[in-house]
Structures are given as structure tokens and as C-alpha cells.
Amino acid sequence: MKSHTLYFTDTRVVIADRCPAEGYAVLPTDDCRIARANIVKKVETDKFIAVITPDPDATLAHLLSQLFVVEAAGGIVRDEQGRLLMIRCRDRWDLPKGHIETGESAVEAALREVREETGIVAEALRHAATTIHCYDTYGRWEAKRTHWFAMRRVAGEPAPQTAEGITSAAWCGQAETASNLLSSYSTIIDLLGTLSSVENNRATGYAAEGCAAKTKML
């Protein structure tokens, strides 16, 4: 199955060439096109939406053409003990990230954001994943495309950038990470779950809510 996932707050929108699982509201499309308004309306009531299309790439491109795309970058940083660097902002746990500035590469932006938001000097190991998170900013729908890099700590101790509303920056072990994900974002939950599955081939402690819901055909 070929698919792309976008996030509208805590709603997962999967664009795929066939229905990926139970628990998804299905919105068929004609000519690989989907109106942003249809998605926005459905995310008000559904946590899982699947857009079934013969060409997921074309449908994703059409949807993004209706949004203002912002490029961002962030770090998945671990220390010598394998603990994960997490931040708490707006009462949710997150990972350090931010907009790519003019003249920066994605990896340069990711390293800078980690340093500014947490005080940690890190080394980038590899590109890990790209996520797309959509949100309404004062009446304009934006799509933040975040390029994530796996990193390791080089120097420094966690110090939250309080001027940006970050109230905590901390190294988190496996149990603490699982607990923090209970008050995180779907984007971060899925990102860490996917990386854990690929790299470690083990469960992350995350169970997606709504999996047993009946599929809706719209």
C-alpha cells in the first residue's frame, strides 16, 4: 500500500491507494483531487480519516496546493544512556524543532533549534523522517513540513528556552517517554513509534485510539 499521512491537530489524515485499516472515515475522490474544506470539516468529528485515491502522490500535491507550506526541521536527540531529549510547551510534550531560516539547510536548522530550545549541542547522524502537520493560523491554513534528524548529544545539559514558552527540557528514559506521549501530539507519537519499530523492532507502548471503530463510507 502506498500512502502519505498528514496531521490536522490530533487527527490523522491518510492518503492511500486502498483503505489502510478499520476505524477510518473514508472520503473517495475523483481525478485524484480533494478539497481542503472537506478535510477540515471532517477533522472536527473524526480522529482517523482516509482519502482513497489511485494516485496518493497527486492527491497529496493537490491538497498541499491549498495550504501555505512552511519548511521546518527538528531533532530526535539521545544521550550516552540512550535517553530521549523532550521539551514541554503549551502543556504538551514535544521534540525540539522550528522553522528553517533563509540560507539554512534543514540539518543546520535542526541543530540550531535543538541548541536554542534545549541548550544541547548535538551531532546529526542521519535524516530520520519527514512529517506534515496542518493548522489554522489566524484564518490561514498552513502545512508545516518538518524534516527530522536523528542526533546524539555532544555537550550541554537541558535548559528550556522559556522565552519561547518552553517550560521543561529533559532527558527521558523509555518509561518516562511512554508516559509523556500520553500528553503529546499524534505527530510525535507516530514519529517515535515508527522509528522505534524500524530501528528496534519492538513495541513503543503506544496504542492508537479508535482502532475498533466502524469504518465509515462517505
N, C-alpha and C. Protein backbone atom coordinates (compact mmCIF):
# COMPACT_ATOMS: atom_id res chain seq x y z
N MET A 1 0.84 -1.20 0.00
CA MET A 1 0.00 0.00 0.00
C MET A 1 0.87 1.25 0.00
N LYS A 2 0.60 2.16 -0.91
CA LYS A 2 1.30 3.44 -0.94
C LYS A 2 0.45 4.46 -0.20
N SER A 3 1.08 5.23 0.70
CA SER A 3 0.28 6.17 1.49
C SER A 3 1.13 7.34 1.99
N HIS A 4 0.43 8.41 2.33
CA HIS A 4 1.03 9.57 2.99
C HIS A 4 0.14 9.91 4.18
N THR A 5 0.74 10.43 5.25
CA THR A 5 -0.04 10.82 6.42
C THR A 5 0.20 12.29 6.72
N LEU A 6 -0.91 13.01 6.93
CA LEU A 6 -0.87 14.39 7.39
C LEU A 6 -1.60 14.45 8.72
N TYR A 7 -1.31 15.47 9.50
CA TYR A 7 -1.92 15.62 10.81
C TYR A 7 -2.60 16.97 10.90
N PHE A 8 -3.89 16.96 11.23
CA PHE A 8 -4.64 18.17 11.50
C PHE A 8 -4.93 18.15 13.00
N THR A 9 -4.11 18.88 13.78
CA THR A 9 -4.11 18.78 15.24
C THR A 9 -3.88 17.32 15.61
N ASP A 10 -4.88 16.64 16.19
CA ASP A 10 -4.69 15.24 16.59
C ASP A 10 -5.38 14.26 15.65
N THR A 11 -5.84 14.73 14.52
CA THR A 11 -6.49 13.85 13.54
C THR A 11 -5.47 13.42 12.49
N ARG A 12 -5.42 12.11 12.24
CA ARG A 12 -4.54 11.58 11.20
C ARG A 12 -5.33 11.49 9.89
N VAL A 13 -4.78 12.07 8.84
CA VAL A 13 -5.36 12.00 7.51
C VAL A 13 -4.42 11.16 6.65
N VAL A 14 -4.87 9.97 6.29
CA VAL A 14 -4.05 9.05 5.50
C VAL A 14 -4.53 9.10 4.06
N ILE A 15 -3.63 9.41 3.15
CA ILE A 15 -3.93 9.41 1.72
C ILE A 15 -3.33 8.14 1.16
N ALA A 16 -4.17 7.23 0.70
CA ALA A 16 -3.69 5.90 0.32
C ALA A 16 -4.42 5.37 -0.89
N ASP A 17 -3.82 4.33 -1.51
CA ASP A 17 -4.46 3.74 -2.68
C ASP A 17 -5.45 2.65 -2.32
N ARG A 18 -5.56 2.34 -1.02
CA ARG A 18 -6.64 1.48 -0.54
C ARG A 18 -6.83 1.74 0.95
N CYS A 19 -7.97 1.34 1.49
CA CYS A 19 -8.29 1.63 2.88
C CYS A 19 -7.28 0.95 3.79
N PRO A 20 -6.54 1.70 4.62
CA PRO A 20 -5.45 1.11 5.39
C PRO A 20 -5.87 0.27 6.57
N ALA A 21 -7.00 0.56 7.21
CA ALA A 21 -7.39 -0.19 8.41
C ALA A 21 -8.80 0.17 8.80
N GLU A 22 -9.34 -0.59 9.76
CA GLU A 22 -10.62 -0.22 10.33
C GLU A 22 -10.44 1.06 11.14
N GLY A 23 -11.57 1.73 11.38
CA GLY A 23 -11.53 2.91 12.20
C GLY A 23 -11.27 4.19 11.43
N TYR A 24 -11.33 4.13 10.11
CA TYR A 24 -11.09 5.32 9.30
C TYR A 24 -12.36 5.77 8.61
N ALA A 25 -12.58 7.08 8.58
CA ALA A 25 -13.63 7.64 7.75
C ALA A 25 -13.06 7.75 6.34
N VAL A 26 -13.79 7.25 5.36
CA VAL A 26 -13.25 7.17 4.00
C VAL A 26 -13.91 8.22 3.11
N LEU A 27 -13.07 9.03 2.46
CA LEU A 27 -13.58 10.03 1.54
C LEU A 27 -13.05 9.73 0.15
N PRO A 28 -13.87 9.13 -0.72
CA PRO A 28 -13.42 8.86 -2.09
C PRO A 28 -13.18 10.17 -2.84
N THR A 29 -12.29 10.14 -3.81
CA THR A 29 -12.01 11.33 -4.60
C THR A 29 -12.13 11.01 -6.09
N ASP A 30 -12.44 12.03 -6.86
CA ASP A 30 -12.47 11.91 -8.32
C ASP A 30 -11.25 12.65 -8.87
N ASP A 31 -10.62 12.07 -9.88
CA ASP A 31 -9.47 12.69 -10.55
C ASP A 31 -8.35 13.04 -9.57
N CYS A 32 -8.23 12.25 -8.51
CA CYS A 32 -7.14 12.40 -7.53
C CYS A 32 -7.14 13.76 -6.84
N ARG A 33 -8.29 14.39 -6.74
CA ARG A 33 -8.37 15.71 -6.12
C ARG A 33 -9.24 15.65 -4.88
N ILE A 34 -8.88 16.46 -3.88
CA ILE A 34 -9.68 16.54 -2.66
C ILE A 34 -9.68 17.98 -2.18
N ALA A 35 -10.84 18.47 -1.82
CA ALA A 35 -10.96 19.85 -1.35
C ALA A 35 -10.53 19.96 0.11
N ARG A 36 -9.73 20.96 0.40
CA ARG A 36 -9.30 21.19 1.78
C ARG A 36 -10.50 21.34 2.70
N ALA A 37 -11.55 22.00 2.23
CA ALA A 37 -12.73 22.22 3.06
C ALA A 37 -13.36 20.91 3.52
N ASN A 38 -13.32 19.88 2.67
CA ASN A 38 -13.88 18.59 3.06
C ASN A 38 -13.09 17.97 4.20
N ILE A 39 -11.76 18.08 4.12
CA ILE A 39 -10.92 17.54 5.19
C ILE A 39 -11.14 18.32 6.48
N VAL A 40 -11.12 19.64 6.40
CA VAL A 40 -11.28 20.48 7.58
C VAL A 40 -12.60 20.19 8.28
N LYS A 41 -13.64 19.96 7.50
CA LYS A 41 -14.95 19.67 8.10
C LYS A 41 -14.92 18.34 8.84
N LYS A 42 -14.28 17.33 8.25
CA LYS A 42 -14.28 16.01 8.86
C LYS A 42 -13.39 15.93 10.09
N VAL A 43 -12.31 16.72 10.15
CA VAL A 43 -11.43 16.62 11.32
C VAL A 43 -12.09 17.15 12.58
N GLU A 44 -13.21 17.85 12.42
CA GLU A 44 -13.93 18.32 13.59
C GLU A 44 -14.59 17.18 14.35
N THR A 45 -14.84 16.07 13.67
CA THR A 45 -15.58 14.97 14.30
C THR A 45 -14.84 13.63 14.28
N ASP A 46 -13.84 13.46 13.43
CA ASP A 46 -13.18 12.17 13.28
C ASP A 46 -11.69 12.27 13.62
N LYS A 47 -11.18 11.24 14.28
CA LYS A 47 -9.75 11.18 14.62
C LYS A 47 -8.93 10.48 13.54
N PHE A 48 -9.58 9.71 12.67
CA PHE A 48 -8.89 8.99 11.62
C PHE A 48 -9.65 9.18 10.32
N ILE A 49 -8.98 9.66 9.30
CA ILE A 49 -9.60 9.88 8.01
C ILE A 49 -8.71 9.27 6.94
N ALA A 50 -9.28 8.53 6.03
CA ALA A 50 -8.52 8.01 4.89
C ALA A 50 -9.10 8.57 3.60
N VAL A 51 -8.23 9.11 2.78
CA VAL A 51 -8.60 9.58 1.45
C VAL A 51 -8.11 8.53 0.47
N ILE A 52 -9.04 7.81 -0.13
CA ILE A 52 -8.68 6.70 -1.01
C ILE A 52 -8.59 7.22 -2.45
N THR A 53 -7.45 7.02 -3.08
CA THR A 53 -7.18 7.59 -4.39
C THR A 53 -6.25 6.66 -5.17
N PRO A 54 -6.39 6.59 -6.48
CA PRO A 54 -5.47 5.76 -7.26
C PRO A 54 -4.04 6.31 -7.32
N ASP A 55 -3.88 7.60 -6.99
CA ASP A 55 -2.55 8.22 -7.06
C ASP A 55 -2.33 9.07 -5.81
N PRO A 56 -1.84 8.48 -4.71
CA PRO A 56 -1.64 9.23 -3.47
C PRO A 56 -0.71 10.44 -3.63
N ASP A 57 0.30 10.33 -4.49
CA ASP A 57 1.22 11.46 -4.69
C ASP A 57 0.49 12.67 -5.26
N ALA A 58 -0.34 12.42 -6.28
CA ALA A 58 -1.07 13.52 -6.92
C ALA A 58 -2.08 14.13 -5.96
N THR A 59 -2.75 13.30 -5.17
CA THR A 59 -3.74 13.82 -4.22
C THR A 59 -3.07 14.63 -3.13
N LEU A 60 -1.91 14.17 -2.63
CA LEU A 60 -1.18 14.94 -1.64
C LEU A 60 -0.76 16.30 -2.21
N ALA A 61 -0.24 16.29 -3.43
CA ALA A 61 0.18 17.54 -4.06
C ALA A 61 -0.99 18.51 -4.22
N HIS A 62 -2.16 17.98 -4.57
CA HIS A 62 -3.34 18.83 -4.74
C HIS A 62 -3.77 19.42 -3.41
N LEU A 63 -3.74 18.62 -2.35
CA LEU A 63 -4.13 19.13 -1.04
C LEU A 63 -3.14 20.19 -0.55
N LEU A 64 -1.85 19.92 -0.72
CA LEU A 64 -0.84 20.90 -0.27
C LEU A 64 -0.91 22.20 -1.06
N SER A 65 -1.39 22.14 -2.30
CA SER A 65 -1.52 23.36 -3.10
C SER A 65 -2.56 24.30 -2.51
N GLN A 66 -3.41 23.80 -1.64
CA GLN A 66 -4.45 24.60 -0.99
C GLN A 66 -4.02 25.08 0.39
N LEU A 67 -2.77 24.82 0.76
CA LEU A 67 -2.24 25.21 2.06
C LEU A 67 -0.97 26.03 1.85
N PHE A 68 -0.62 26.84 2.84
CA PHE A 68 0.64 27.57 2.82
C PHE A 68 1.69 26.68 3.48
N VAL A 69 2.64 26.19 2.69
CA VAL A 69 3.61 25.21 3.18
C VAL A 69 4.79 25.93 3.84
N VAL A 70 5.10 25.52 5.07
CA VAL A 70 6.21 26.07 5.84
C VAL A 70 7.22 24.95 6.07
N GLU A 71 8.49 25.21 5.78
CA GLU A 71 9.53 24.20 5.98
C GLU A 71 10.14 24.36 7.38
N ALA A 72 10.27 23.23 8.08
CA ALA A 72 10.82 23.23 9.43
C ALA A 72 11.76 22.04 9.60
N ALA A 73 12.47 22.02 10.72
CA ALA A 73 13.39 20.91 10.98
C ALA A 73 13.50 20.70 12.49
N GLY A 74 13.76 19.47 12.88
CA GLY A 74 13.86 19.17 14.30
C GLY A 74 14.78 18.01 14.58
N GLY A 75 15.05 17.80 15.86
CA GLY A 75 15.99 16.76 16.25
C GLY A 75 15.38 15.70 17.16
N ILE A 76 15.73 14.46 16.88
CA ILE A 76 15.43 13.32 17.76
C ILE A 76 16.75 12.99 18.42
N VAL A 77 16.98 13.56 19.60
CA VAL A 77 18.29 13.58 20.22
C VAL A 77 18.35 12.58 21.37
N ARG A 78 19.43 11.81 21.41
CA ARG A 78 19.64 10.87 22.52
C ARG A 78 21.00 11.12 23.16
N ASP A 79 21.06 10.83 24.46
CA ASP A 79 22.33 10.99 25.16
C ASP A 79 23.08 9.67 25.23
N GLU A 80 24.15 9.64 26.01
CA GLU A 80 25.00 8.45 26.09
C GLU A 80 24.28 7.25 26.66
N GLN A 81 23.23 7.47 27.44
CA GLN A 81 22.45 6.36 28.02
C GLN A 81 21.26 5.97 27.14
N GLY A 82 21.13 6.63 26.00
CA GLY A 82 20.02 6.32 25.10
C GLY A 82 18.73 7.03 25.44
N ARG A 83 18.79 7.97 26.39
CA ARG A 83 17.58 8.70 26.76
C ARG A 83 17.24 9.74 25.69
N LEU A 84 15.94 10.01 25.55
CA LEU A 84 15.43 10.93 24.53
C LEU A 84 15.27 12.33 25.09
N LEU A 85 15.69 13.33 24.33
CA LEU A 85 15.52 14.73 24.72
C LEU A 85 14.12 15.20 24.34
N MET A 86 13.32 15.60 25.34
CA MET A 86 11.97 16.07 25.09
C MET A 86 11.78 17.44 25.72
N ILE A 87 10.85 18.21 25.17
CA ILE A 87 10.51 19.51 25.72
C ILE A 87 9.01 19.54 26.02
N ARG A 88 8.64 20.39 26.98
CA ARG A 88 7.22 20.59 27.28
C ARG A 88 6.87 22.04 26.97
N CYS A 89 5.86 22.21 26.14
CA CYS A 89 5.44 23.53 25.69
C CYS A 89 3.93 23.52 25.50
N ARG A 90 3.25 24.53 25.99
CA ARG A 90 1.79 24.62 25.89
C ARG A 90 1.12 23.37 26.46
N ASP A 91 1.65 22.90 27.57
CA ASP A 91 1.10 21.76 28.31
C ASP A 91 1.16 20.44 27.55
N ARG A 92 2.03 20.37 26.54
CA ARG A 92 2.22 19.11 25.83
C ARG A 92 3.71 18.82 25.68
N TRP A 93 4.03 17.52 25.67
CA TRP A 93 5.41 17.11 25.44
C TRP A 93 5.67 17.04 23.94
N ASP A 94 6.85 17.47 23.56
CA ASP A 94 7.18 17.62 22.14
C ASP A 94 8.67 17.34 21.96
N LEU A 95 9.14 17.49 20.73
CA LEU A 95 10.55 17.40 20.40
C LEU A 95 11.01 18.76 19.89
N PRO A 96 12.27 19.14 20.09
CA PRO A 96 12.74 20.44 19.62
C PRO A 96 12.71 20.56 18.10
N LYS A 97 12.15 21.66 17.63
CA LYS A 97 12.03 21.87 16.18
C LYS A 97 11.71 23.34 15.93
N GLY A 98 11.80 23.77 14.67
CA GLY A 98 11.44 25.13 14.33
C GLY A 98 11.62 25.40 12.84
N HIS A 99 11.26 26.60 12.42
CA HIS A 99 11.31 26.97 11.01
C HIS A 99 12.75 27.01 10.49
N ILE A 100 12.91 26.63 9.24
CA ILE A 100 14.20 26.76 8.56
C ILE A 100 14.35 28.20 8.11
N GLU A 101 15.42 28.84 8.52
CA GLU A 101 15.65 30.23 8.17
C GLU A 101 16.31 30.35 6.80
N THR A 102 16.20 31.53 6.20
CA THR A 102 16.78 31.78 4.88
C THR A 102 18.28 31.49 4.90
N GLY A 103 18.71 30.69 3.93
CA GLY A 103 20.12 30.36 3.82
C GLY A 103 20.55 29.14 4.59
N GLU A 104 19.65 28.57 5.40
CA GLU A 104 19.97 27.38 6.18
C GLU A 104 19.59 26.11 5.43
N SER A 105 20.34 25.06 5.66
CA SER A 105 19.90 23.74 5.23
C SER A 105 19.00 23.18 6.33
N ALA A 106 18.29 22.11 6.03
CA ALA A 106 17.40 21.51 7.02
C ALA A 106 18.19 21.03 8.23
N VAL A 107 19.33 20.39 8.01
CA VAL A 107 20.09 19.86 9.14
C VAL A 107 20.68 20.99 9.98
N GLU A 108 21.10 22.07 9.35
CA GLU A 108 21.60 23.23 10.10
C GLU A 108 20.50 23.81 10.98
N ALA A 109 19.30 23.92 10.44
CA ALA A 109 18.18 24.45 11.21
C ALA A 109 17.85 23.54 12.39
N ALA A 110 17.87 22.23 12.15
CA ALA A 110 17.55 21.28 13.22
C ALA A 110 18.54 21.39 14.37
N LEU A 111 19.83 21.46 14.04
CA LEU A 111 20.86 21.59 15.08
C LEU A 111 20.72 22.90 15.85
N ARG A 112 20.43 23.98 15.12
CA ARG A 112 20.24 25.28 15.78
C ARG A 112 19.04 25.26 16.71
N GLU A 113 17.91 24.71 16.24
CA GLU A 113 16.71 24.67 17.07
C GLU A 113 16.93 23.84 18.34
N VAL A 114 17.62 22.72 18.22
CA VAL A 114 17.92 21.91 19.40
C VAL A 114 18.74 22.71 20.40
N ARG A 115 19.75 23.42 19.90
CA ARG A 115 20.62 24.21 20.79
C ARG A 115 19.84 25.36 21.44
N GLU A 116 19.01 26.06 20.65
CA GLU A 116 18.28 27.21 21.18
C GLU A 116 17.20 26.78 22.16
N GLU A 117 16.46 25.73 21.84
CA GLU A 117 15.31 25.36 22.66
C GLU A 117 15.68 24.54 23.89
N THR A 118 16.83 23.87 23.85
CA THR A 118 17.17 22.97 24.96
C THR A 118 18.55 23.20 25.56
N GLY A 119 19.41 23.97 24.92
CA GLY A 119 20.76 24.16 25.42
C GLY A 119 21.71 23.03 25.08
N ILE A 120 21.25 22.04 24.32
CA ILE A 120 22.07 20.87 23.99
C ILE A 120 22.77 21.08 22.65
N VAL A 121 24.08 20.89 22.64
CA VAL A 121 24.85 20.87 21.39
C VAL A 121 24.86 19.42 20.92
N ALA A 122 24.37 19.20 19.71
CA ALA A 122 24.21 17.83 19.21
C ALA A 122 24.93 17.64 17.88
N GLU A 123 25.07 16.39 17.52
CA GLU A 123 25.63 16.00 16.23
C GLU A 123 24.57 15.24 15.46
N ALA A 124 24.34 15.63 14.21
CA ALA A 124 23.35 14.95 13.38
C ALA A 124 23.94 13.65 12.83
N LEU A 125 23.16 12.58 12.93
CA LEU A 125 23.59 11.27 12.44
C LEU A 125 23.02 10.96 11.07
N ARG A 126 21.74 11.24 10.88
CA ARG A 126 21.09 10.91 9.61
C ARG A 126 19.70 11.56 9.59
N HIS A 127 19.15 11.70 8.39
CA HIS A 127 17.75 12.11 8.25
C HIS A 127 16.88 10.94 8.65
N ALA A 128 15.91 11.18 9.53
CA ALA A 128 15.10 10.09 10.07
C ALA A 128 13.71 10.00 9.45
N ALA A 129 13.07 11.13 9.22
CA ALA A 129 11.69 11.12 8.72
C ALA A 129 11.26 12.54 8.38
N THR A 130 10.14 12.65 7.67
CA THR A 130 9.51 13.94 7.40
C THR A 130 8.04 13.84 7.75
N THR A 131 7.54 14.81 8.51
CA THR A 131 6.13 14.82 8.89
C THR A 131 5.48 16.10 8.37
N ILE A 132 4.15 16.05 8.20
CA ILE A 132 3.40 17.23 7.77
C ILE A 132 2.27 17.46 8.76
N HIS A 133 2.27 18.62 9.39
CA HIS A 133 1.26 18.98 10.38
C HIS A 133 0.54 20.22 9.90
N CYS A 134 -0.78 20.17 9.81
CA CYS A 134 -1.59 21.26 9.27
C CYS A 134 -2.36 21.95 10.39
N TYR A 135 -2.44 23.27 10.30
CA TYR A 135 -3.11 24.02 11.35
C TYR A 135 -3.60 25.36 10.80
N ASP A 136 -4.59 25.93 11.49
CA ASP A 136 -5.20 27.20 11.10
C ASP A 136 -4.54 28.32 11.90
N THR A 137 -3.85 29.22 11.21
CA THR A 137 -3.20 30.35 11.86
C THR A 137 -3.90 31.64 11.45
N TYR A 138 -4.76 32.12 12.33
CA TYR A 138 -5.48 33.38 12.09
C TYR A 138 -6.19 33.37 10.74
N GLY A 139 -6.88 32.26 10.45
CA GLY A 139 -7.68 32.17 9.25
C GLY A 139 -6.95 31.66 8.02
N ARG A 140 -5.64 31.41 8.14
CA ARG A 140 -4.88 30.86 7.02
C ARG A 140 -4.39 29.46 7.37
N TRP A 141 -4.75 28.48 6.54
CA TRP A 141 -4.32 27.11 6.80
C TRP A 141 -2.89 26.92 6.31
N GLU A 142 -2.05 26.45 7.23
CA GLU A 142 -0.65 26.20 6.92
C GLU A 142 -0.34 24.71 7.06
N ALA A 143 0.67 24.27 6.34
CA ALA A 143 1.17 22.91 6.46
C ALA A 143 2.65 22.99 6.81
N LYS A 144 2.99 22.59 8.03
CA LYS A 144 4.39 22.61 8.44
C LYS A 144 5.02 21.27 8.09
N ARG A 145 5.96 21.30 7.15
CA ARG A 145 6.67 20.10 6.73
C ARG A 145 7.99 20.06 7.51
N THR A 146 8.07 19.13 8.47
CA THR A 146 9.23 19.08 9.36
C THR A 146 10.15 17.93 8.98
N HIS A 147 11.41 18.26 8.77
CA HIS A 147 12.44 17.29 8.44
C HIS A 147 13.15 16.91 9.75
N TRP A 148 13.04 15.65 10.14
CA TRP A 148 13.57 15.19 11.42
C TRP A 148 14.91 14.49 11.22
N PHE A 149 15.84 14.78 12.15
CA PHE A 149 17.17 14.17 12.10
C PHE A 149 17.47 13.45 13.41
N ALA A 150 17.95 12.22 13.28
CA ALA A 150 18.45 11.51 14.46
C ALA A 150 19.75 12.15 14.87
N MET A 151 19.92 12.41 16.18
CA MET A 151 21.10 13.10 16.69
C MET A 151 21.60 12.44 17.98
N ARG A 152 22.83 12.79 18.33
CA ARG A 152 23.35 12.39 19.63
C ARG A 152 23.97 13.61 20.31
N ARG A 153 23.90 13.60 21.63
CA ARG A 153 24.41 14.71 22.42
C ARG A 153 25.94 14.79 22.30
N VAL A 154 26.43 16.04 22.16
CA VAL A 154 27.86 16.30 22.18
C VAL A 154 28.25 17.01 23.47
N ALA A 155 27.43 18.00 23.87
CA ALA A 155 27.72 18.77 25.08
C ALA A 155 26.45 19.46 25.57
N GLY A 156 26.51 19.92 26.82
CA GLY A 156 25.41 20.68 27.38
C GLY A 156 24.45 19.85 28.22
N GLU A 157 23.66 20.56 29.03
CA GLU A 157 22.61 19.95 29.83
C GLU A 157 21.29 20.64 29.51
N PRO A 158 20.17 19.92 29.61
CA PRO A 158 18.89 20.50 29.21
C PRO A 158 18.55 21.79 29.97
N ALA A 159 18.22 22.83 29.19
CA ALA A 159 17.81 24.12 29.75
C ALA A 159 16.73 24.68 28.83
N PRO A 160 15.48 24.73 29.27
CA PRO A 160 14.37 25.15 28.39
C PRO A 160 14.47 26.61 27.98
N GLN A 161 14.10 26.88 26.73
CA GLN A 161 14.06 28.25 26.22
C GLN A 161 12.72 28.86 26.65
N THR A 162 12.68 29.41 27.85
CA THR A 162 11.43 29.90 28.42
C THR A 162 10.84 31.05 27.64
N ALA A 163 11.69 31.81 26.95
CA ALA A 163 11.18 32.93 26.15
C ALA A 163 10.26 32.47 25.04
N GLU A 164 10.38 31.19 24.63
CA GLU A 164 9.52 30.62 23.60
C GLU A 164 8.40 29.79 24.19
N GLY A 165 8.17 29.91 25.49
CA GLY A 165 7.07 29.19 26.13
C GLY A 165 7.39 27.75 26.50
N ILE A 166 8.65 27.37 26.41
CA ILE A 166 9.05 26.01 26.78
C ILE A 166 9.29 25.97 28.29
N THR A 167 8.56 25.13 28.99
CA THR A 167 8.64 25.10 30.44
C THR A 167 9.56 24.02 30.97
N SER A 168 9.91 23.04 30.12
CA SER A 168 10.79 21.97 30.58
C SER A 168 11.54 21.38 29.40
N ALA A 169 12.79 20.98 29.65
CA ALA A 169 13.59 20.23 28.68
C ALA A 169 14.29 19.15 29.49
N ALA A 170 14.15 17.89 29.08
CA ALA A 170 14.64 16.81 29.93
C ALA A 170 15.01 15.58 29.12
N TRP A 171 15.97 14.82 29.68
CA TRP A 171 16.29 13.50 29.14
C TRP A 171 15.28 12.51 29.69
N CYS A 172 14.69 11.71 28.80
CA CYS A 172 13.62 10.81 29.21
C CYS A 172 13.96 9.37 28.84
N GLY A 173 13.89 8.49 29.83
CA GLY A 173 14.07 7.07 29.58
C GLY A 173 12.84 6.49 28.92
N GLN A 174 12.85 5.18 28.68
CA GLN A 174 11.76 4.54 27.96
C GLN A 174 10.42 4.71 28.67
N ALA A 175 10.39 4.48 29.98
CA ALA A 175 9.13 4.58 30.73
C ALA A 175 8.64 6.02 30.78
N GLU A 176 9.54 6.96 30.99
CA GLU A 176 9.15 8.36 31.05
C GLU A 176 8.69 8.86 29.69
N THR A 177 9.35 8.41 28.64
CA THR A 177 8.92 8.79 27.29
C THR A 177 7.51 8.30 27.02
N ALA A 178 7.22 7.04 27.37
CA ALA A 178 5.88 6.49 27.16
C ALA A 178 4.84 7.28 27.94
N SER A 179 5.18 7.68 29.16
CA SER A 179 4.25 8.48 29.96
C SER A 179 4.04 9.86 29.34
N ASN A 180 5.11 10.48 28.88
CA ASN A 180 5.00 11.81 28.26
C ASN A 180 4.17 11.78 26.99
N LEU A 181 4.23 10.68 26.25
CA LEU A 181 3.48 10.61 25.00
C LEU A 181 1.97 10.62 25.23
N LEU A 182 1.54 10.35 26.45
CA LEU A 182 0.12 10.42 26.76
C LEU A 182 -0.39 11.85 26.68
N SER A 183 0.52 12.82 26.80
CA SER A 183 0.14 14.23 26.64
C SER A 183 1.03 14.88 25.59
N SER A 184 1.11 14.22 24.44
CA SER A 184 1.89 14.73 23.32
C SER A 184 0.97 14.91 22.12
N TYR A 185 1.55 15.00 20.94
CA TYR A 185 0.81 15.17 19.69
C TYR A 185 0.84 13.87 18.89
N SER A 186 -0.19 13.65 18.09
CA SER A 186 -0.22 12.45 17.24
C SER A 186 0.99 12.38 16.33
N THR A 187 1.44 13.55 15.87
CA THR A 187 2.63 13.58 15.00
C THR A 187 3.83 12.95 15.70
N ILE A 188 4.06 13.37 16.94
CA ILE A 188 5.22 12.90 17.70
C ILE A 188 5.05 11.44 18.09
N ILE A 189 3.84 11.06 18.48
CA ILE A 189 3.56 9.67 18.86
C ILE A 189 3.87 8.74 17.69
N ASP A 190 3.37 9.09 16.51
CA ASP A 190 3.57 8.23 15.34
C ASP A 190 5.03 8.25 14.89
N LEU A 191 5.66 9.41 14.95
CA LEU A 191 7.07 9.52 14.55
C LEU A 191 7.94 8.60 15.40
N LEU A 192 7.81 8.69 16.70
CA LEU A 192 8.63 7.86 17.58
C LEU A 192 8.25 6.39 17.48
N GLY A 193 6.96 6.13 17.30
CA GLY A 193 6.53 4.74 17.16
C GLY A 193 7.09 4.10 15.90
N THR A 194 7.06 4.84 14.80
CA THR A 194 7.59 4.31 13.54
C THR A 194 9.09 4.07 13.63
N LEU A 195 9.83 5.04 14.19
CA LEU A 195 11.27 4.89 14.31
C LEU A 195 11.64 3.75 15.24
N SER A 196 10.88 3.61 16.32
CA SER A 196 11.15 2.52 17.26
C SER A 196 10.92 1.17 16.60
N SER A 197 9.85 1.09 15.80
CA SER A 197 9.54 -0.18 15.12
C SER A 197 10.61 -0.53 14.10
N VAL A 198 11.06 0.48 13.36
CA VAL A 198 12.05 0.24 12.33
C VAL A 198 13.42 -0.08 12.92
N GLU A 199 13.82 0.71 13.92
CA GLU A 199 15.17 0.59 14.44
C GLU A 199 15.32 -0.49 15.51
N ASN A 200 14.28 -0.69 16.29
CA ASN A 200 14.40 -1.60 17.42
C ASN A 200 13.49 -2.82 17.34
N ASN A 201 12.52 -2.78 16.40
CA ASN A 201 11.60 -3.89 16.21
C ASN A 201 10.93 -4.30 17.51
N ARG A 202 10.45 -3.30 18.24
CA ARG A 202 9.75 -3.59 19.48
C ARG A 202 8.62 -2.59 19.66
N ALA A 203 7.67 -2.93 20.53
CA ALA A 203 6.51 -2.07 20.77
C ALA A 203 6.95 -0.81 21.49
N THR A 204 6.23 0.28 21.24
CA THR A 204 6.57 1.56 21.86
C THR A 204 5.67 1.87 23.05
N GLY A 205 4.68 1.02 23.30
CA GLY A 205 3.75 1.32 24.37
C GLY A 205 2.60 2.18 23.90
N TYR A 206 2.60 2.51 22.61
CA TYR A 206 1.52 3.34 22.08
C TYR A 206 0.46 2.47 21.43
N ALA A 207 -0.80 2.72 21.80
CA ALA A 207 -1.93 2.06 21.15
C ALA A 207 -2.84 3.12 20.59
N ALA A 208 -3.01 3.14 19.27
CA ALA A 208 -3.82 4.18 18.63
C ALA A 208 -5.28 4.04 19.04
N GLU A 209 -5.83 5.15 19.55
CA GLU A 209 -7.23 5.12 19.94
C GLU A 209 -8.12 5.01 18.73
N GLY A 210 -9.27 4.42 18.91
CA GLY A 210 -10.25 4.37 17.83
C GLY A 210 -10.06 3.24 16.86
N CYS A 211 -9.17 2.31 17.10
CA CYS A 211 -8.90 1.27 16.11
C CYS A 211 -10.10 0.34 15.90
N ALA A 212 -10.94 0.23 16.92
CA ALA A 212 -12.07 -0.69 16.82
C ALA A 212 -13.32 -0.04 16.25
N ALA A 213 -13.23 1.25 15.94
CA ALA A 213 -14.40 1.95 15.42
C ALA A 213 -14.77 1.40 14.05
N LYS A 214 -16.04 1.52 13.74
CA LYS A 214 -16.52 1.03 12.44
C LYS A 214 -16.05 1.96 11.33
N THR A 215 -15.70 1.37 10.21
CA THR A 215 -15.32 2.17 9.06
C THR A 215 -16.52 2.91 8.51
N LYS A 216 -16.33 4.18 8.18
CA LYS A 216 -17.41 4.99 7.64
C LYS A 216 -17.19 5.22 6.15
N MET A 217 -18.16 4.93 5.37
CA MET A 217 -18.09 5.18 3.93
C MET A 217 -18.90 6.44 3.64
N LEU A 218 -18.25 7.47 3.15
CA LEU A 218 -18.92 8.74 2.91
C LEU A 218 -19.14 8.98 1.43
